[in-house]
């Protein structure tokens, strides 16, 4: 749960540091500008608040690994929610408003996570899991989106915490059921493993012998 807090705080700090003109730059999410991704983070923060306020009495049906669903194909941009996110981001106009909304809702989500009982059960997406597993799954979400945020911002000062990168790599390997080659950095494993960047020829050769066909599209 501490890693959730640190990963989320680093991501929100990175957003706060982005100059206004850079909100119109591409992000690492295909088809999304930085402003679209930040708008998505606002929605993510709302989801965290909603889930933590949705207690469940049933036994857990998923954990931090099985929470993630491997999709058949990458997002096409035609999903209604994805399209809504882009329109909503454009409606903000001034990047200051996006920063303010993320700081407002995001801070509340962070506080709610810190106050939550890790053993409590919550419900989301028709599944039940412990708070600890839910927040653990979100470490991967925050880390991937932090990499997305700074993908085309070479001067970004705040990077994902090293512990978050390592935990996210381990989680992605558990989802895939196989380990990445040791030569891959944690960032490379996450970016190549989820299709955010193409492997080099050397990396492709190393991945050739793995049991899983990468990239994985998570939902």
Protein backbone atom coordinates (compact mmCIF):
# COMPACT_ATOMS: atom_id res chain seq x y z
CA UNK A 1 0.00 0.00 0.00
CA UNK A 2 2.95 2.30 0.62
CA UNK A 3 4.13 1.66 -2.92
CA UNK A 4 0.70 2.64 -4.24
CA UNK A 5 1.02 5.95 -2.40
CA UNK A 6 4.55 6.65 -3.64
CA UNK A 7 3.78 5.70 -7.25
CA UNK A 8 0.63 7.83 -7.30
CA UNK A 9 2.38 10.80 -5.67
CA UNK A 10 5.23 10.63 -8.21
CA UNK A 11 2.78 10.51 -11.11
CA UNK A 12 0.80 13.50 -9.84
CA UNK A 13 4.04 15.42 -9.29
CA UNK A 14 5.10 14.66 -12.85
CA UNK A 15 1.80 16.06 -14.13
CA UNK A 16 2.18 19.20 -12.02
CA UNK A 17 5.62 19.82 -13.55
CA UNK A 18 4.51 19.65 -17.19
CA UNK A 19 4.62 23.06 -18.94
CA UNK A 20 1.34 24.11 -20.55
CA UNK A 21 2.52 23.66 -24.18
CA UNK A 22 3.50 20.05 -23.48
CA UNK A 23 -0.10 19.08 -22.76
CA UNK A 24 -0.56 19.09 -26.54
CA UNK A 25 2.33 16.67 -27.13
CA UNK A 26 1.74 12.97 -27.83
CA UNK A 27 1.74 10.60 -24.88
CA UNK A 28 2.83 6.98 -24.84
CA UNK A 29 -0.81 5.90 -25.18
CA UNK A 30 -1.51 5.46 -28.90
CA UNK A 31 -3.82 8.20 -30.15
CA UNK A 32 -3.78 10.18 -26.91
CA UNK A 33 -2.15 13.51 -26.21
CA UNK A 34 -0.70 14.25 -22.78
CA UNK A 35 -3.90 16.13 -21.90
CA UNK A 36 -6.00 13.06 -22.80
CA UNK A 37 -3.88 10.88 -20.54
CA UNK A 38 -4.16 13.35 -17.65
CA UNK A 39 -7.93 13.37 -18.10
CA UNK A 40 -7.86 9.57 -17.94
CA UNK A 41 -5.95 9.82 -14.65
CA UNK A 42 -8.76 11.97 -13.24
CA UNK A 43 -11.19 9.19 -14.16
CA UNK A 44 -8.83 6.60 -12.65
CA UNK A 45 -8.74 8.57 -9.39
CA UNK A 46 -12.54 8.64 -9.34
CA UNK A 47 -12.57 4.87 -9.86
CA UNK A 48 -10.25 4.40 -6.88
CA UNK A 49 -12.55 6.49 -4.68
CA UNK A 50 -15.64 4.62 -5.89
CA UNK A 51 -14.06 1.20 -5.37
CA UNK A 52 -12.74 1.98 -1.89
CA UNK A 53 -16.26 3.12 -0.97
CA UNK A 54 -17.83 -0.10 -2.31
CA UNK A 55 -17.37 -2.76 0.40
CA UNK A 56 -18.05 -6.40 -0.37
CA UNK A 57 -18.88 -9.32 1.92
CA UNK A 58 -18.22 -12.12 -0.58
CA UNK A 59 -14.98 -14.04 -0.87
CA UNK A 60 -12.39 -12.53 -3.26
CA UNK A 61 -12.74 -13.60 -6.87
CA UNK A 62 -9.50 -12.02 -8.14
CA UNK A 63 -6.18 -10.77 -6.77
CA UNK A 64 -3.60 -8.22 -7.96
CA UNK A 65 -2.61 -10.50 -10.86
CA UNK A 66 -5.94 -11.89 -12.03
CA UNK A 67 -7.53 -8.42 -11.73
CA UNK A 68 -5.86 -7.72 -15.07
CA UNK A 69 -7.48 -9.13 -18.20
CA UNK A 70 -5.36 -9.82 -21.25
CA UNK A 71 -7.21 -8.46 -24.29
CA UNK A 72 -7.21 -9.97 -27.77
CA UNK A 73 -6.14 -6.75 -29.47
CA UNK A 74 -4.82 -3.29 -28.55
CA UNK A 75 -7.24 -0.39 -28.12
CA UNK A 76 -8.55 0.97 -31.41
CA UNK A 77 -9.73 4.31 -30.06
CA UNK A 78 -13.32 3.38 -30.93
CA UNK A 79 -14.29 2.43 -27.38
CA UNK A 80 -16.96 4.93 -26.23
CA UNK A 81 -15.14 5.71 -22.97
CA UNK A 82 -11.84 6.32 -24.79
CA UNK A 83 -13.60 8.67 -27.19
CA UNK A 84 -15.31 10.44 -24.29
CA UNK A 85 -11.96 10.92 -22.56
CA UNK A 86 -10.54 12.74 -25.58
CA UNK A 87 -13.58 15.02 -25.87
CA UNK A 88 -13.59 15.71 -22.14
CA UNK A 89 -9.88 16.55 -22.14
CA UNK A 90 -10.38 19.03 -24.97
CA UNK A 91 -13.26 20.64 -23.09
CA UNK A 92 -10.96 21.60 -20.20
CA UNK A 93 -9.14 24.01 -22.50
CA UNK A 94 -6.69 25.49 -19.97
CA UNK A 95 -4.18 22.87 -18.71
CA UNK A 96 -4.40 24.54 -15.29
CA UNK A 97 -7.95 23.23 -14.94
CA UNK A 98 -6.80 19.67 -15.64
CA UNK A 99 -3.96 19.99 -13.15
CA UNK A 100 -6.33 21.37 -10.53
CA UNK A 101 -8.91 18.62 -11.03
CA UNK A 102 -6.29 15.87 -10.89
CA UNK A 103 -4.72 17.35 -7.76
CA UNK A 104 -8.13 17.70 -6.11
CA UNK A 105 -9.53 14.25 -6.89
CA UNK A 106 -6.13 12.56 -6.91
CA UNK A 107 -5.24 13.81 -3.44
CA UNK A 108 -8.56 12.49 -2.15
CA UNK A 109 -7.90 9.10 -3.74
CA UNK A 110 -4.47 9.01 -2.13
CA UNK A 111 -5.89 9.84 1.31
CA UNK A 112 -8.64 7.25 0.96
CA UNK A 113 -6.07 4.60 0.07
CA UNK A 114 -3.96 5.49 3.09
CA UNK A 115 -6.96 5.20 5.41
CA UNK A 116 -8.30 1.93 3.97
CA UNK A 117 -7.97 -1.41 5.77
CA UNK A 118 -5.77 -3.57 3.52
CA UNK A 119 -7.68 -6.69 4.59
CA UNK A 120 -11.09 -5.25 3.71
CA UNK A 121 -12.86 -6.49 0.59
CA UNK A 122 -14.13 -4.20 -2.13
CA UNK A 123 -16.02 -4.70 -5.37
CA UNK A 124 -15.19 -3.37 -8.84
CA UNK A 125 -15.86 -4.49 -12.41
CA UNK A 126 -18.10 -7.26 -11.08
CA UNK A 127 -15.25 -8.78 -9.05
CA UNK A 128 -14.30 -8.87 -5.37
CA UNK A 129 -10.76 -8.42 -4.05
CA UNK A 130 -8.96 -7.16 -0.98
CA UNK A 131 -7.97 -3.52 -0.72
CA UNK A 132 -4.31 -4.58 -0.65
CA UNK A 133 -4.67 -6.48 -3.94
CA UNK A 134 -6.66 -3.67 -5.54
CA UNK A 135 -4.07 -1.04 -4.66
CA UNK A 136 -1.30 -3.45 -5.63
CA UNK A 137 -2.83 -3.82 -9.07
CA UNK A 138 -2.91 -0.05 -9.39
CA UNK A 139 0.84 0.21 -8.87
CA UNK A 140 1.10 -1.28 -12.37
CA UNK A 141 -1.50 1.18 -13.67
CA UNK A 142 0.30 4.22 -12.22
CA UNK A 143 3.72 3.03 -13.36
CA UNK A 144 2.68 2.32 -16.93
CA UNK A 145 0.88 5.66 -17.18
CA UNK A 146 3.86 7.49 -15.70
CA UNK A 147 5.97 6.01 -18.50
CA UNK A 148 3.23 7.02 -20.96
CA UNK A 149 3.17 10.56 -19.60
CA UNK A 150 6.90 11.20 -20.09
CA UNK A 151 7.34 9.12 -23.25
CA UNK A 152 7.84 12.24 -25.40
CA UNK A 153 8.93 14.61 -22.64
CA UNK A 154 12.70 14.06 -22.43
CA UNK A 155 13.18 16.84 -19.87
CA UNK A 156 10.62 15.48 -17.40
CA UNK A 157 12.21 15.61 -13.96
CA UNK A 158 10.07 13.16 -11.98
CA UNK A 159 10.38 9.52 -12.99
CA UNK A 160 8.51 6.47 -11.69
CA UNK A 161 9.95 5.16 -8.39
CA UNK A 162 12.44 2.35 -8.95
CA UNK A 163 10.54 0.13 -6.55
CA UNK A 164 7.36 0.74 -8.53
CA UNK A 165 9.08 -0.23 -11.76
CA UNK A 166 10.44 -3.42 -10.22
CA UNK A 167 7.10 -4.37 -8.66
CA UNK A 168 5.26 -3.65 -11.92
CA UNK A 169 7.70 -5.77 -13.89
CA UNK A 170 7.22 -8.65 -11.46
CA UNK A 171 3.44 -8.28 -11.70
CA UNK A 172 3.52 -8.23 -15.50
CA UNK A 173 5.68 -11.37 -15.48
CA UNK A 174 3.14 -13.10 -13.24
CA UNK A 175 0.34 -12.03 -15.59
CA UNK A 176 2.29 -13.38 -18.54
CA UNK A 177 3.39 -16.52 -16.72
CA UNK A 178 6.99 -16.02 -17.82
CA UNK A 179 9.98 -13.86 -16.95
CA UNK A 180 11.59 -11.30 -19.20
CA UNK A 181 15.25 -11.80 -20.09
CA UNK A 182 17.59 -10.50 -17.39
CA UNK A 183 19.13 -8.06 -19.88
CA UNK A 184 15.86 -6.08 -20.02
CA UNK A 185 15.66 -3.10 -17.68
CA UNK A 186 12.42 -2.83 -15.73
CA UNK A 187 11.29 0.02 -17.99
CA UNK A 188 12.13 -1.97 -21.13
CA UNK A 189 10.21 -4.98 -19.83
CA UNK A 190 7.12 -2.87 -19.19
CA UNK A 191 7.28 -0.88 -22.43
CA UNK A 192 8.07 -3.80 -24.72
CA UNK A 193 5.89 -6.23 -22.78
CA UNK A 194 2.80 -4.05 -23.21
CA UNK A 195 3.54 -2.93 -26.76
CA UNK A 196 4.40 0.63 -25.85
CA UNK A 197 7.73 0.34 -27.65
CA UNK A 198 9.13 -2.05 -30.22
CA UNK A 199 11.94 -4.38 -29.16
CA UNK A 200 15.38 -3.99 -30.65
CA UNK A 201 16.63 -6.83 -32.83
CA UNK A 202 18.63 -8.18 -29.88
CA UNK A 203 15.61 -7.99 -27.55
CA UNK A 204 13.38 -9.64 -30.14
CA UNK A 205 15.85 -12.53 -30.40
CA UNK A 206 15.83 -12.95 -26.61
CA UNK A 207 12.03 -12.89 -26.49
CA UNK A 208 11.82 -15.52 -29.22
CA UNK A 209 12.30 -18.33 -26.72
CA UNK A 210 9.74 -17.13 -24.16
CA UNK A 211 6.53 -19.06 -23.71
CA UNK A 212 4.33 -16.00 -24.25
CA UNK A 213 3.84 -13.93 -27.35
CA UNK A 214 4.40 -10.29 -26.50
CA UNK A 215 3.08 -7.64 -26.37
CA UNK A 216 0.26 -8.08 -23.88
CA UNK A 217 -2.74 -5.75 -23.96
CA UNK A 218 -4.10 -5.30 -20.45
CA UNK A 219 -7.58 -4.19 -19.53
